[in-house]
Amino acid sequence: MKSQRGVYAVEFAIVAGIFFILLFAIIEVGRLMYTYNVLHEASRRAARIAVVCQIDDADIKTMALFNGANLIPNLTTANLSISYLDEFGNVATGIDIDLVRADIANYQHQFLVPGLSRVLNSPTFSTYLPRESLGVYHVDEEDPGSGFIDCN
């Protein structure tokens, strides 16, 4: 029986190593899924806000990124671009705008597992929506200052 001494410790070391590798892998996959969900939702929010706010409104990107709430690290307004397109997908202005496209690109996901300092480049998340008011509505003749929606 003396040759069996310590066998449980060796078995535990092997099983625990595999268990913790799987545990951290599950946690990282969950974080990655959450990150992709936030990126998709931010793209959707940006397109939704852009179709109802004025084209030159500088706060669209900030509002789309959850008003500055840091839901995921390293997501900034530099990752978000908003384009106003015609029916053929070309950049348009004024009355020719038919679609609004919001893209989130160049986001880099960092893993939390110690020793795994790898960065994963996320795909581009795009959302297209048909134009709506673009921040303009019918001007009231009695109130010449009316006609624009303030999205702030």
N, C-alpha and C. Protein backbone atom coordinates (compact mmCIF):
# COMPACT_ATOMS: atom_id res chain seq x y z
N MET A 1 0.79 -1.20 0.00
CA MET A 1 0.00 0.00 0.00
C MET A 1 0.84 1.27 0.00
N LYS A 2 2.10 1.15 0.37
CA LYS A 2 2.93 2.33 0.43
C LYS A 2 3.16 2.92 -0.97
N SER A 3 3.08 2.10 -2.01
CA SER A 3 3.29 2.62 -3.36
C SER A 3 2.08 3.42 -3.86
N GLN A 4 0.94 3.33 -3.19
CA GLN A 4 -0.26 4.06 -3.56
C GLN A 4 -0.34 5.43 -2.90
N ARG A 5 0.57 5.75 -2.04
CA ARG A 5 0.54 7.00 -1.30
C ARG A 5 0.72 8.18 -2.28
N GLY A 6 -0.17 9.16 -2.20
CA GLY A 6 -0.07 10.36 -3.04
C GLY A 6 -0.76 10.24 -4.38
N VAL A 7 -1.34 9.09 -4.69
CA VAL A 7 -1.98 8.91 -5.98
C VAL A 7 -3.21 9.81 -6.13
N TYR A 8 -3.93 10.05 -5.03
CA TYR A 8 -5.11 10.92 -5.10
C TYR A 8 -4.72 12.36 -5.38
N ALA A 9 -3.61 12.79 -4.85
CA ALA A 9 -3.13 14.15 -5.11
C ALA A 9 -2.76 14.31 -6.58
N VAL A 10 -2.13 13.30 -7.16
CA VAL A 10 -1.77 13.35 -8.57
C VAL A 10 -3.02 13.35 -9.44
N GLU A 11 -4.00 12.49 -9.11
CA GLU A 11 -5.25 12.45 -9.86
C GLU A 11 -5.98 13.79 -9.78
N PHE A 12 -6.02 14.36 -8.57
CA PHE A 12 -6.67 15.65 -8.39
C PHE A 12 -5.97 16.73 -9.22
N ALA A 13 -4.67 16.73 -9.25
CA ALA A 13 -3.92 17.73 -10.02
C ALA A 13 -4.25 17.64 -11.50
N ILE A 14 -4.36 16.43 -12.01
CA ILE A 14 -4.68 16.25 -13.43
C ILE A 14 -6.11 16.69 -13.72
N VAL A 15 -7.06 16.22 -12.91
CA VAL A 15 -8.47 16.55 -13.12
C VAL A 15 -8.72 18.04 -12.89
N ALA A 16 -8.12 18.61 -11.85
CA ALA A 16 -8.32 20.03 -11.56
C ALA A 16 -7.77 20.90 -12.69
N GLY A 17 -6.64 20.52 -13.25
CA GLY A 17 -6.09 21.28 -14.37
C GLY A 17 -7.04 21.33 -15.55
N ILE A 18 -7.58 20.18 -15.91
CA ILE A 18 -8.54 20.11 -17.02
C ILE A 18 -9.81 20.88 -16.67
N PHE A 19 -10.29 20.72 -15.44
CA PHE A 19 -11.50 21.41 -15.00
C PHE A 19 -11.34 22.93 -15.10
N PHE A 20 -10.24 23.46 -14.62
CA PHE A 20 -10.05 24.92 -14.63
C PHE A 20 -9.84 25.46 -16.04
N ILE A 21 -9.21 24.68 -16.90
CA ILE A 21 -9.08 25.11 -18.30
C ILE A 21 -10.46 25.21 -18.94
N LEU A 22 -11.31 24.20 -18.72
CA LEU A 22 -12.67 24.25 -19.26
C LEU A 22 -13.49 25.37 -18.64
N LEU A 23 -13.35 25.58 -17.35
CA LEU A 23 -14.09 26.65 -16.67
C LEU A 23 -13.73 28.02 -17.24
N PHE A 24 -12.44 28.30 -17.39
CA PHE A 24 -12.03 29.59 -17.95
C PHE A 24 -12.43 29.73 -19.41
N ALA A 25 -12.41 28.63 -20.16
CA ALA A 25 -12.85 28.68 -21.56
C ALA A 25 -14.33 29.03 -21.64
N ILE A 26 -15.15 28.45 -20.78
CA ILE A 26 -16.58 28.76 -20.76
C ILE A 26 -16.81 30.22 -20.39
N ILE A 27 -16.08 30.72 -19.42
CA ILE A 27 -16.21 32.12 -19.01
C ILE A 27 -15.83 33.05 -20.17
N GLU A 28 -14.74 32.76 -20.86
CA GLU A 28 -14.29 33.62 -21.96
C GLU A 28 -15.27 33.58 -23.14
N VAL A 29 -15.82 32.42 -23.44
CA VAL A 29 -16.81 32.34 -24.52
C VAL A 29 -18.05 33.13 -24.14
N GLY A 30 -18.47 33.06 -22.89
CA GLY A 30 -19.60 33.85 -22.42
C GLY A 30 -19.34 35.34 -22.52
N ARG A 31 -18.15 35.78 -22.15
CA ARG A 31 -17.78 37.19 -22.28
C ARG A 31 -17.78 37.63 -23.74
N LEU A 32 -17.28 36.76 -24.62
CA LEU A 32 -17.24 37.09 -26.04
C LEU A 32 -18.65 37.23 -26.60
N MET A 33 -19.55 36.33 -26.21
CA MET A 33 -20.95 36.41 -26.66
C MET A 33 -21.61 37.69 -26.15
N TYR A 34 -21.36 38.04 -24.90
CA TYR A 34 -21.89 39.28 -24.33
C TYR A 34 -21.35 40.49 -25.09
N THR A 35 -20.06 40.49 -25.39
CA THR A 35 -19.45 41.60 -26.12
C THR A 35 -20.07 41.75 -27.50
N TYR A 36 -20.24 40.65 -28.21
CA TYR A 36 -20.86 40.71 -29.53
C TYR A 36 -22.30 41.20 -29.45
N ASN A 37 -23.02 40.81 -28.41
CA ASN A 37 -24.39 41.27 -28.23
C ASN A 37 -24.42 42.79 -27.99
N VAL A 38 -23.51 43.30 -27.17
CA VAL A 38 -23.45 44.75 -26.92
C VAL A 38 -23.09 45.49 -28.20
N LEU A 39 -22.15 44.98 -28.98
CA LEU A 39 -21.78 45.64 -30.24
C LEU A 39 -22.95 45.66 -31.22
N HIS A 40 -23.67 44.56 -31.31
CA HIS A 40 -24.85 44.51 -32.18
C HIS A 40 -25.92 45.50 -31.72
N GLU A 41 -26.16 45.55 -30.42
CA GLU A 41 -27.17 46.46 -29.88
C GLU A 41 -26.75 47.92 -30.07
N ALA A 42 -25.47 48.23 -29.91
CA ALA A 42 -25.00 49.60 -30.12
C ALA A 42 -25.17 50.01 -31.58
N SER A 43 -24.93 49.10 -32.50
CA SER A 43 -25.13 49.38 -33.92
C SER A 43 -26.61 49.64 -34.20
N ARG A 44 -27.47 48.83 -33.63
CA ARG A 44 -28.92 49.02 -33.82
C ARG A 44 -29.37 50.35 -33.24
N ARG A 45 -28.90 50.66 -32.02
CA ARG A 45 -29.28 51.93 -31.38
C ARG A 45 -28.80 53.13 -32.20
N ALA A 46 -27.60 53.05 -32.74
CA ALA A 46 -27.06 54.16 -33.53
C ALA A 46 -27.92 54.41 -34.76
N ALA A 47 -28.29 53.35 -35.47
CA ALA A 47 -29.13 53.51 -36.66
C ALA A 47 -30.50 54.05 -36.27
N ARG A 48 -31.06 53.56 -35.18
CA ARG A 48 -32.39 54.00 -34.75
C ARG A 48 -32.38 55.48 -34.36
N ILE A 49 -31.36 55.89 -33.65
CA ILE A 49 -31.27 57.30 -33.25
C ILE A 49 -30.99 58.18 -34.47
N ALA A 50 -30.17 57.71 -35.39
CA ALA A 50 -29.81 58.51 -36.57
C ALA A 50 -30.99 58.76 -37.49
N VAL A 51 -31.96 57.85 -37.56
CA VAL A 51 -33.09 58.06 -38.46
C VAL A 51 -34.10 59.06 -37.91
N VAL A 52 -34.01 59.38 -36.63
CA VAL A 52 -34.97 60.33 -36.05
C VAL A 52 -34.32 61.62 -35.55
N CYS A 53 -33.00 61.73 -35.61
CA CYS A 53 -32.30 62.94 -35.16
C CYS A 53 -31.70 63.66 -36.36
N GLN A 54 -31.35 64.91 -36.15
CA GLN A 54 -30.75 65.71 -37.22
C GLN A 54 -29.41 65.11 -37.65
N ILE A 55 -29.11 65.24 -38.92
CA ILE A 55 -27.92 64.63 -39.50
C ILE A 55 -26.65 65.16 -38.84
N ASP A 56 -26.62 66.43 -38.52
CA ASP A 56 -25.40 67.03 -37.97
C ASP A 56 -25.35 66.98 -36.44
N ASP A 57 -26.20 66.20 -35.82
CA ASP A 57 -26.22 66.10 -34.36
C ASP A 57 -24.99 65.33 -33.89
N ALA A 58 -24.13 65.99 -33.14
CA ALA A 58 -22.88 65.37 -32.69
C ALA A 58 -23.09 64.35 -31.58
N ASP A 59 -24.25 64.36 -30.94
CA ASP A 59 -24.49 63.48 -29.80
C ASP A 59 -25.05 62.12 -30.20
N ILE A 60 -25.29 61.87 -31.47
CA ILE A 60 -25.86 60.59 -31.90
C ILE A 60 -24.96 59.44 -31.48
N LYS A 61 -23.67 59.57 -31.71
CA LYS A 61 -22.74 58.48 -31.38
C LYS A 61 -22.67 58.25 -29.88
N THR A 62 -22.66 59.31 -29.11
CA THR A 62 -22.61 59.16 -27.65
C THR A 62 -23.87 58.49 -27.13
N MET A 63 -25.03 58.92 -27.64
CA MET A 63 -26.29 58.31 -27.20
C MET A 63 -26.36 56.84 -27.62
N ALA A 64 -25.85 56.53 -28.80
CA ALA A 64 -25.89 55.15 -29.29
C ALA A 64 -25.02 54.23 -28.45
N LEU A 65 -23.94 54.77 -27.91
CA LEU A 65 -23.04 53.96 -27.07
C LEU A 65 -23.45 54.06 -25.61
N PHE A 66 -24.75 54.03 -25.38
CA PHE A 66 -25.33 53.92 -24.04
C PHE A 66 -24.96 55.11 -23.16
N ASN A 67 -24.92 56.31 -23.77
CA ASN A 67 -24.65 57.57 -23.06
C ASN A 67 -23.38 57.52 -22.23
N GLY A 68 -22.38 56.89 -22.75
CA GLY A 68 -21.09 56.85 -22.07
C GLY A 68 -20.94 55.76 -21.03
N ALA A 69 -21.98 54.95 -20.82
CA ALA A 69 -21.85 53.82 -19.89
C ALA A 69 -20.85 52.83 -20.47
N ASN A 70 -19.89 52.45 -19.71
CA ASN A 70 -18.81 51.59 -20.19
C ASN A 70 -19.20 50.12 -20.04
N LEU A 71 -20.09 49.65 -20.93
CA LEU A 71 -20.56 48.26 -20.84
C LEU A 71 -19.48 47.26 -21.22
N ILE A 72 -18.66 47.64 -22.18
CA ILE A 72 -17.51 46.81 -22.55
C ILE A 72 -16.30 47.74 -22.70
N PRO A 73 -15.13 47.26 -22.36
CA PRO A 73 -13.95 48.13 -22.43
C PRO A 73 -13.55 48.44 -23.87
N ASN A 74 -12.96 49.60 -24.05
CA ASN A 74 -12.37 50.03 -25.33
C ASN A 74 -13.37 50.36 -26.42
N LEU A 75 -14.67 50.42 -26.13
CA LEU A 75 -15.64 50.81 -27.15
C LEU A 75 -15.81 52.32 -27.08
N THR A 76 -15.45 53.00 -28.16
CA THR A 76 -15.53 54.46 -28.20
C THR A 76 -16.29 54.90 -29.45
N THR A 77 -16.54 56.19 -29.54
CA THR A 77 -17.22 56.72 -30.72
C THR A 77 -16.36 56.58 -31.98
N ALA A 78 -15.06 56.37 -31.81
CA ALA A 78 -14.19 56.15 -32.98
C ALA A 78 -14.51 54.81 -33.67
N ASN A 79 -15.10 53.87 -32.94
CA ASN A 79 -15.47 52.58 -33.53
C ASN A 79 -16.78 52.66 -34.31
N LEU A 80 -17.54 53.73 -34.13
CA LEU A 80 -18.87 53.85 -34.71
C LEU A 80 -18.86 54.84 -35.87
N SER A 81 -19.43 54.43 -36.99
CA SER A 81 -19.60 55.35 -38.12
C SER A 81 -21.04 55.28 -38.59
N ILE A 82 -21.57 56.44 -38.95
CA ILE A 82 -22.95 56.53 -39.43
C ILE A 82 -22.91 57.10 -40.83
N SER A 83 -23.60 56.42 -41.75
CA SER A 83 -23.63 56.85 -43.15
C SER A 83 -25.07 57.03 -43.59
N TYR A 84 -25.30 58.04 -44.39
CA TYR A 84 -26.62 58.30 -44.97
C TYR A 84 -26.53 57.95 -46.45
N LEU A 85 -27.40 57.02 -46.89
CA LEU A 85 -27.27 56.42 -48.22
C LEU A 85 -28.51 56.64 -49.06
N ASP A 86 -28.33 56.60 -50.39
CA ASP A 86 -29.48 56.62 -51.29
C ASP A 86 -29.96 55.19 -51.51
N GLU A 87 -30.91 55.00 -52.41
CA GLU A 87 -31.49 53.68 -52.61
C GLU A 87 -30.51 52.66 -53.19
N PHE A 88 -29.41 53.13 -53.76
CA PHE A 88 -28.42 52.23 -54.35
C PHE A 88 -27.24 51.96 -53.42
N GLY A 89 -27.25 52.55 -52.24
CA GLY A 89 -26.18 52.34 -51.28
C GLY A 89 -25.04 53.33 -51.38
N ASN A 90 -25.22 54.37 -52.20
CA ASN A 90 -24.20 55.42 -52.31
C ASN A 90 -24.46 56.50 -51.27
N VAL A 91 -23.40 57.17 -50.85
CA VAL A 91 -23.54 58.25 -49.87
C VAL A 91 -24.42 59.35 -50.46
N ALA A 92 -25.38 59.82 -49.65
CA ALA A 92 -26.33 60.82 -50.13
C ALA A 92 -26.50 61.92 -49.09
N THR A 93 -27.10 63.02 -49.53
CA THR A 93 -27.42 64.13 -48.64
C THR A 93 -28.82 64.62 -48.95
N GLY A 94 -29.39 65.35 -47.99
CA GLY A 94 -30.68 66.00 -48.19
C GLY A 94 -31.80 65.04 -48.50
N ILE A 95 -32.58 65.41 -49.50
CA ILE A 95 -33.79 64.65 -49.83
C ILE A 95 -33.47 63.29 -50.46
N ASP A 96 -32.25 63.10 -50.92
CA ASP A 96 -31.87 61.83 -51.56
C ASP A 96 -31.61 60.71 -50.56
N ILE A 97 -31.60 61.01 -49.28
CA ILE A 97 -31.32 59.98 -48.27
C ILE A 97 -32.49 59.02 -48.17
N ASP A 98 -32.20 57.73 -48.35
CA ASP A 98 -33.22 56.69 -48.21
C ASP A 98 -32.90 55.72 -47.07
N LEU A 99 -31.63 55.53 -46.79
CA LEU A 99 -31.20 54.57 -45.76
C LEU A 99 -30.19 55.21 -44.83
N VAL A 100 -30.15 54.68 -43.62
CA VAL A 100 -29.12 55.06 -42.65
C VAL A 100 -28.39 53.78 -42.27
N ARG A 101 -27.06 53.83 -42.33
CA ARG A 101 -26.25 52.67 -41.97
C ARG A 101 -25.37 53.04 -40.77
N ALA A 102 -25.39 52.19 -39.76
CA ALA A 102 -24.51 52.36 -38.61
C ALA A 102 -23.57 51.16 -38.56
N ASP A 103 -22.28 51.43 -38.53
CA ASP A 103 -21.25 50.38 -38.50
C ASP A 103 -20.42 50.51 -37.23
N ILE A 104 -20.17 49.38 -36.60
CA ILE A 104 -19.19 49.33 -35.52
C ILE A 104 -18.07 48.43 -36.02
N ALA A 105 -16.88 49.02 -36.15
CA ALA A 105 -15.74 48.29 -36.73
C ALA A 105 -14.50 48.52 -35.88
N ASN A 106 -13.54 47.66 -36.11
CA ASN A 106 -12.21 47.77 -35.47
C ASN A 106 -12.26 47.67 -33.96
N TYR A 107 -13.23 46.94 -33.42
CA TYR A 107 -13.25 46.72 -31.97
C TYR A 107 -12.36 45.53 -31.66
N GLN A 108 -11.53 45.67 -30.66
CA GLN A 108 -10.62 44.59 -30.27
C GLN A 108 -11.01 44.05 -28.90
N HIS A 109 -11.35 42.77 -28.88
CA HIS A 109 -11.75 42.09 -27.64
C HIS A 109 -10.51 41.53 -26.96
N GLN A 110 -10.35 41.87 -25.69
CA GLN A 110 -9.21 41.36 -24.93
C GLN A 110 -9.68 40.28 -23.97
N PHE A 111 -8.95 39.18 -23.91
CA PHE A 111 -9.29 38.09 -23.01
C PHE A 111 -8.81 38.40 -21.60
N LEU A 112 -9.49 37.83 -20.62
CA LEU A 112 -9.15 38.07 -19.22
C LEU A 112 -8.31 36.97 -18.60
N VAL A 113 -8.21 35.83 -19.26
CA VAL A 113 -7.48 34.70 -18.69
C VAL A 113 -6.01 35.09 -18.51
N PRO A 114 -5.47 34.87 -17.33
CA PRO A 114 -4.06 35.21 -17.10
C PRO A 114 -3.14 34.41 -18.03
N GLY A 115 -2.17 35.10 -18.58
CA GLY A 115 -1.23 34.45 -19.47
C GLY A 115 -1.68 34.40 -20.92
N LEU A 116 -2.95 34.70 -21.19
CA LEU A 116 -3.47 34.70 -22.55
C LEU A 116 -3.71 36.16 -22.94
N SER A 117 -2.66 36.83 -23.35
CA SER A 117 -2.77 38.25 -23.68
C SER A 117 -3.05 38.45 -25.16
N ARG A 118 -3.93 37.65 -25.68
CA ARG A 118 -4.29 37.71 -27.09
C ARG A 118 -5.44 38.69 -27.28
N VAL A 119 -5.44 39.39 -28.40
CA VAL A 119 -6.50 40.33 -28.76
C VAL A 119 -7.23 39.76 -29.97
N LEU A 120 -8.55 39.76 -29.92
CA LEU A 120 -9.36 39.23 -31.01
C LEU A 120 -10.05 40.39 -31.71
N ASN A 121 -9.84 40.53 -33.00
CA ASN A 121 -10.51 41.57 -33.78
C ASN A 121 -11.93 41.13 -34.07
N SER A 122 -12.89 41.93 -33.66
CA SER A 122 -14.30 41.60 -33.86
C SER A 122 -14.71 41.93 -35.29
N PRO A 123 -15.72 41.23 -35.81
CA PRO A 123 -16.22 41.57 -37.14
C PRO A 123 -16.95 42.91 -37.11
N THR A 124 -17.23 43.44 -38.28
CA THR A 124 -17.98 44.69 -38.37
C THR A 124 -19.46 44.40 -38.16
N PHE A 125 -20.08 45.17 -37.30
CA PHE A 125 -21.51 45.04 -37.03
C PHE A 125 -22.21 46.19 -37.73
N SER A 126 -23.12 45.88 -38.67
CA SER A 126 -23.81 46.90 -39.46
C SER A 126 -25.31 46.77 -39.28
N THR A 127 -25.97 47.92 -39.24
CA THR A 127 -27.42 47.96 -39.19
C THR A 127 -27.90 48.98 -40.21
N TYR A 128 -28.87 48.59 -41.03
CA TYR A 128 -29.48 49.48 -42.01
C TYR A 128 -30.93 49.71 -41.61
N LEU A 129 -31.35 50.96 -41.65
CA LEU A 129 -32.75 51.30 -41.40
C LEU A 129 -33.20 52.32 -42.44
N PRO A 130 -34.48 52.26 -42.85
CA PRO A 130 -34.98 53.29 -43.77
C PRO A 130 -35.10 54.63 -43.06
N ARG A 131 -34.92 55.69 -43.81
CA ARG A 131 -34.99 57.02 -43.21
C ARG A 131 -36.37 57.27 -42.63
N GLU A 132 -36.39 58.09 -41.62
CA GLU A 132 -37.66 58.55 -41.06
C GLU A 132 -37.64 60.07 -41.13
N SER A 133 -37.72 60.74 -40.01
CA SER A 133 -37.81 62.20 -40.04
C SER A 133 -36.45 62.88 -40.19
N LEU A 134 -35.37 62.21 -39.81
CA LEU A 134 -34.03 62.79 -39.79
C LEU A 134 -34.01 64.10 -39.00
N GLY A 135 -34.86 64.17 -37.98
CA GLY A 135 -34.88 65.33 -37.09
C GLY A 135 -35.67 66.51 -37.60
N VAL A 136 -36.38 66.35 -38.71
CA VAL A 136 -37.15 67.46 -39.28
C VAL A 136 -38.62 67.07 -39.28
N TYR A 137 -39.47 68.02 -38.89
CA TYR A 137 -40.90 67.79 -38.97
C TYR A 137 -41.57 69.03 -39.54
N HIS A 138 -42.87 68.98 -39.73
CA HIS A 138 -43.62 70.08 -40.34
C HIS A 138 -43.47 71.34 -39.50
N VAL A 139 -43.12 72.43 -40.16
CA VAL A 139 -42.92 73.70 -39.47
C VAL A 139 -44.27 74.36 -39.22
N ASP A 140 -44.48 74.76 -37.97
CA ASP A 140 -45.69 75.48 -37.59
C ASP A 140 -45.52 76.94 -38.01
N GLU A 141 -46.49 77.47 -38.79
CA GLU A 141 -46.38 78.84 -39.28
C GLU A 141 -46.35 79.86 -38.15
N GLU A 142 -46.98 79.55 -37.03
CA GLU A 142 -47.01 80.49 -35.91
C GLU A 142 -45.73 80.46 -35.10
N ASP A 143 -44.95 79.40 -35.22
CA ASP A 143 -43.69 79.27 -34.48
C ASP A 143 -42.56 78.99 -35.46
N PRO A 144 -41.92 80.05 -35.97
CA PRO A 144 -40.88 79.84 -36.98
C PRO A 144 -39.66 79.07 -36.47
N GLY A 145 -39.49 78.96 -35.17
CA GLY A 145 -38.36 78.20 -34.62
C GLY A 145 -38.61 76.71 -34.60
N SER A 146 -39.83 76.30 -34.91
CA SER A 146 -40.13 74.87 -34.90
C SER A 146 -39.63 74.23 -36.19
N GLY A 147 -39.67 72.95 -36.23
CA GLY A 147 -39.28 72.24 -37.44
C GLY A 147 -38.13 71.28 -37.26
N PHE A 148 -37.47 71.34 -36.10
CA PHE A 148 -36.36 70.43 -35.85
C PHE A 148 -36.52 69.77 -34.49
N ILE A 149 -36.14 68.52 -34.43
CA ILE A 149 -36.18 67.77 -33.18
C ILE A 149 -34.81 67.85 -32.52
N ASP A 150 -34.80 68.19 -31.25
CA ASP A 150 -33.55 68.20 -30.49
C ASP A 150 -33.43 66.86 -29.78
N CYS A 151 -32.48 66.06 -30.18
CA CYS A 151 -32.35 64.71 -29.62
C CYS A 151 -31.54 64.66 -28.34
N ASN A 152 -31.14 65.78 -27.82
CA ASN A 152 -30.33 65.78 -26.58
C ASN A 152 -31.19 65.54 -25.38
